[in-house]
Amino acid sequence: MAKQEKTKDAPTPTVIYGERAHSVPSAKSDGDNLWLSASDLEKVSGWALKPEGFCKASVCVPVPPARRDKLVSKDSYSLTELANLLGQPVIHDAEHAVWSIGEAAAERRRTLTSLNAPDFSLPDVDGRMHSLSEYRGKKVLLVSWASW
């Protein structure tokens, strides 16, 4: 596996994971595959390799022996292969060196079936901010509108 070294003209790789974008100057690309150091992997995604597998908080996902070479190489880890293992969609813009890792389908399904709206804040007509979480336990009517 030949990892590309960053040239002077190449843009610094950026990873969008969840709602945060991270610039990762030390990342190496191999086509659509992105390799990160252990510290960058944990900073970007929250996942770390432990003896029991890749772990994030109290959740650990074992590394299948047949996929280990695609996930781990000496001192670097493939973020894109980890995302594939976790069922997360990956989009790569090679021209701009940007990788976007989406939420796994199982997590989206769980969120949609929970009947809990995500928290958000909006100003009222007087400019005072109100958050949906302020009304937890109360009935709330949400009205949305779009121009399309």
Protein backbone atom coordinates (compact mmCIF):
# COMPACT_ATOMS: atom_id res chain seq x y z
CA MET A 1 0.00 0.00 0.00
CA ALA A 2 1.64 3.20 -1.19
CA LYS A 3 0.62 6.19 0.87
CA GLN A 4 0.97 9.56 -0.78
CA GLU A 5 3.15 12.12 0.91
CA LYS A 6 1.76 15.64 0.94
CA THR A 7 3.45 17.91 -1.57
CA LYS A 8 3.91 21.65 -1.16
CA ASP A 9 1.01 22.33 -3.54
CA ALA A 10 -1.36 19.74 -2.05
CA PRO A 11 -4.08 21.07 0.26
CA THR A 12 -4.04 20.06 3.92
CA PRO A 13 -6.48 17.17 4.43
CA THR A 14 -9.71 18.11 6.17
CA VAL A 15 -12.03 15.60 7.84
CA ILE A 16 -15.65 16.42 8.58
CA TYR A 17 -16.82 14.00 11.26
CA GLY A 18 -20.20 14.62 12.82
CA GLU A 19 -20.68 18.36 13.07
CA ARG A 20 -16.99 19.25 13.34
CA ALA A 21 -14.32 19.82 10.70
CA HIS A 22 -10.71 19.00 11.53
CA SER A 23 -7.61 20.00 9.61
CA VAL A 24 -5.19 17.06 9.75
CA PRO A 25 -1.80 18.05 8.29
CA SER A 26 -0.16 14.72 9.19
CA ALA A 27 -2.83 12.60 7.43
CA LYS A 28 -1.78 10.48 4.46
CA SER A 29 -4.06 9.55 1.59
CA ASP A 30 -4.05 6.38 -0.46
CA GLY A 31 -6.66 7.04 -3.15
CA ASP A 32 -9.97 7.33 -1.31
CA ASN A 33 -8.43 5.91 1.87
CA LEU A 34 -7.26 8.27 4.65
CA TRP A 35 -4.64 7.20 7.20
CA LEU A 36 -4.35 8.97 10.57
CA SER A 37 -2.08 8.65 13.57
CA ALA A 38 -3.60 7.25 16.77
CA SER A 39 -3.88 10.73 18.32
CA ASP A 40 -5.44 12.23 15.16
CA LEU A 41 -7.91 9.34 14.89
CA GLU A 42 -9.08 9.89 18.46
CA LYS A 43 -9.18 13.70 18.07
CA VAL A 44 -11.20 13.52 14.84
CA SER A 45 -13.56 10.63 15.58
CA GLY A 46 -13.32 9.74 19.25
CA TRP A 47 -12.31 6.15 18.34
CA ALA A 48 -9.10 4.53 19.64
CA LEU A 49 -7.61 1.09 19.05
CA LYS A 50 -7.48 -1.01 22.23
CA PRO A 51 -6.87 -4.75 22.73
CA GLU A 52 -10.63 -5.41 22.48
CA GLY A 53 -10.96 -3.46 19.19
CA PHE A 54 -11.78 0.11 18.21
CA CYS A 55 -13.42 1.80 21.21
CA LYS A 56 -15.31 5.04 21.75
CA ALA A 57 -16.48 5.70 25.31
CA SER A 58 -17.96 2.36 26.48
CA VAL A 59 -18.59 0.98 22.98
CA CYS A 60 -16.00 -1.34 21.44
CA VAL A 61 -16.08 -2.88 17.96
CA PRO A 62 -13.83 -5.91 17.41
CA VAL A 63 -11.44 -5.80 14.45
CA PRO A 64 -12.12 -8.78 12.17
CA PRO A 65 -8.76 -10.52 11.50
CA ALA A 66 -9.46 -10.51 7.74
CA ARG A 67 -9.82 -6.70 7.77
CA ARG A 68 -6.98 -5.83 10.15
CA ASP A 69 -4.49 -5.02 7.35
CA LYS A 70 -7.00 -2.61 5.81
CA LEU A 71 -7.56 -0.88 9.18
CA VAL A 72 -4.11 -0.85 10.80
CA SER A 73 -0.68 -0.21 9.28
CA LYS A 74 2.29 0.18 11.64
CA ASP A 75 1.55 3.45 13.43
CA SER A 76 -1.46 4.64 11.40
CA TYR A 77 -5.13 3.78 11.12
CA SER A 78 -7.51 3.99 8.18
CA LEU A 79 -10.37 6.31 9.10
CA THR A 80 -12.25 5.40 5.93
CA GLU A 81 -12.02 1.64 6.57
CA LEU A 82 -13.08 2.19 10.18
CA ALA A 83 -16.10 4.14 8.92
CA ASN A 84 -16.92 1.26 6.55
CA LEU A 85 -16.65 -1.19 9.46
CA LEU A 86 -19.05 0.97 11.49
CA GLY A 87 -21.51 1.37 8.59
CA GLN A 88 -20.83 5.08 8.19
CA PRO A 89 -21.00 6.60 4.69
CA VAL A 90 -17.81 8.26 3.42
CA ILE A 91 -17.52 10.99 0.80
CA HIS A 92 -14.13 12.10 -0.52
CA ASP A 93 -13.38 15.23 -2.55
CA ALA A 94 -9.88 14.51 -3.90
CA GLU A 95 -9.40 17.95 -5.45
CA HIS A 96 -9.87 19.73 -2.12
CA ALA A 97 -8.56 16.87 0.11
CA VAL A 98 -11.78 16.68 2.12
CA TRP A 99 -13.29 13.54 3.65
CA SER A 100 -16.77 13.61 5.17
CA ILE A 101 -17.86 10.77 7.44
CA GLY A 102 -21.61 10.51 7.96
CA GLU A 103 -23.68 9.00 10.71
CA ALA A 104 -24.33 5.24 10.57
CA ALA A 105 -27.74 4.19 9.27
CA ALA A 106 -28.54 2.35 12.52
CA GLU A 107 -27.93 5.53 14.54
CA ARG A 108 -30.08 7.62 12.16
CA ARG A 109 -32.84 5.00 12.41
CA ARG A 110 -32.67 5.03 16.22
CA THR A 111 -32.87 8.83 16.29
CA LEU A 112 -35.81 8.98 13.88
CA THR A 113 -37.81 6.35 15.77
CA SER A 114 -37.16 7.86 19.21
CA LEU A 115 -39.80 10.59 18.71
CA ASN A 116 -37.42 13.05 20.40
CA ALA A 117 -36.67 16.15 18.37
CA PRO A 118 -33.04 17.28 18.48
CA ASP A 119 -32.37 20.32 20.63
CA PHE A 120 -32.06 23.66 18.86
CA SER A 121 -32.27 27.34 19.78
CA LEU A 122 -34.03 30.15 17.95
CA PRO A 123 -34.84 33.78 18.81
CA ASP A 124 -38.39 34.96 19.35
CA VAL A 125 -39.72 38.19 17.80
CA ASP A 126 -38.08 40.20 20.62
CA GLY A 127 -34.68 38.58 20.03
CA ARG A 128 -34.70 36.40 23.18
CA MET A 129 -33.26 32.93 22.59
CA HIS A 130 -35.38 29.87 23.34
CA SER A 131 -34.22 26.24 23.24
CA LEU A 132 -36.43 23.25 22.67
CA SER A 133 -34.83 21.62 25.73
CA GLU A 134 -36.43 24.33 27.92
CA TYR A 135 -39.78 22.74 27.14
CA ARG A 136 -38.92 19.07 27.82
CA GLY A 137 -41.87 17.29 29.37
CA LYS A 138 -44.34 19.78 27.92
CA LYS A 139 -46.33 19.52 24.73
CA VAL A 140 -44.84 21.66 21.98
CA LEU A 141 -46.13 22.32 18.48
CA LEU A 142 -43.29 22.74 15.99
CA VAL A 143 -44.17 24.48 12.75
CA SER A 144 -41.67 24.59 9.95
CA TRP A 145 -41.77 26.17 6.54
CA ALA A 146 -39.57 26.04 3.48
CA SER A 147 -39.67 28.06 0.28
CA TRP A 148 -39.24 25.10 -2.05
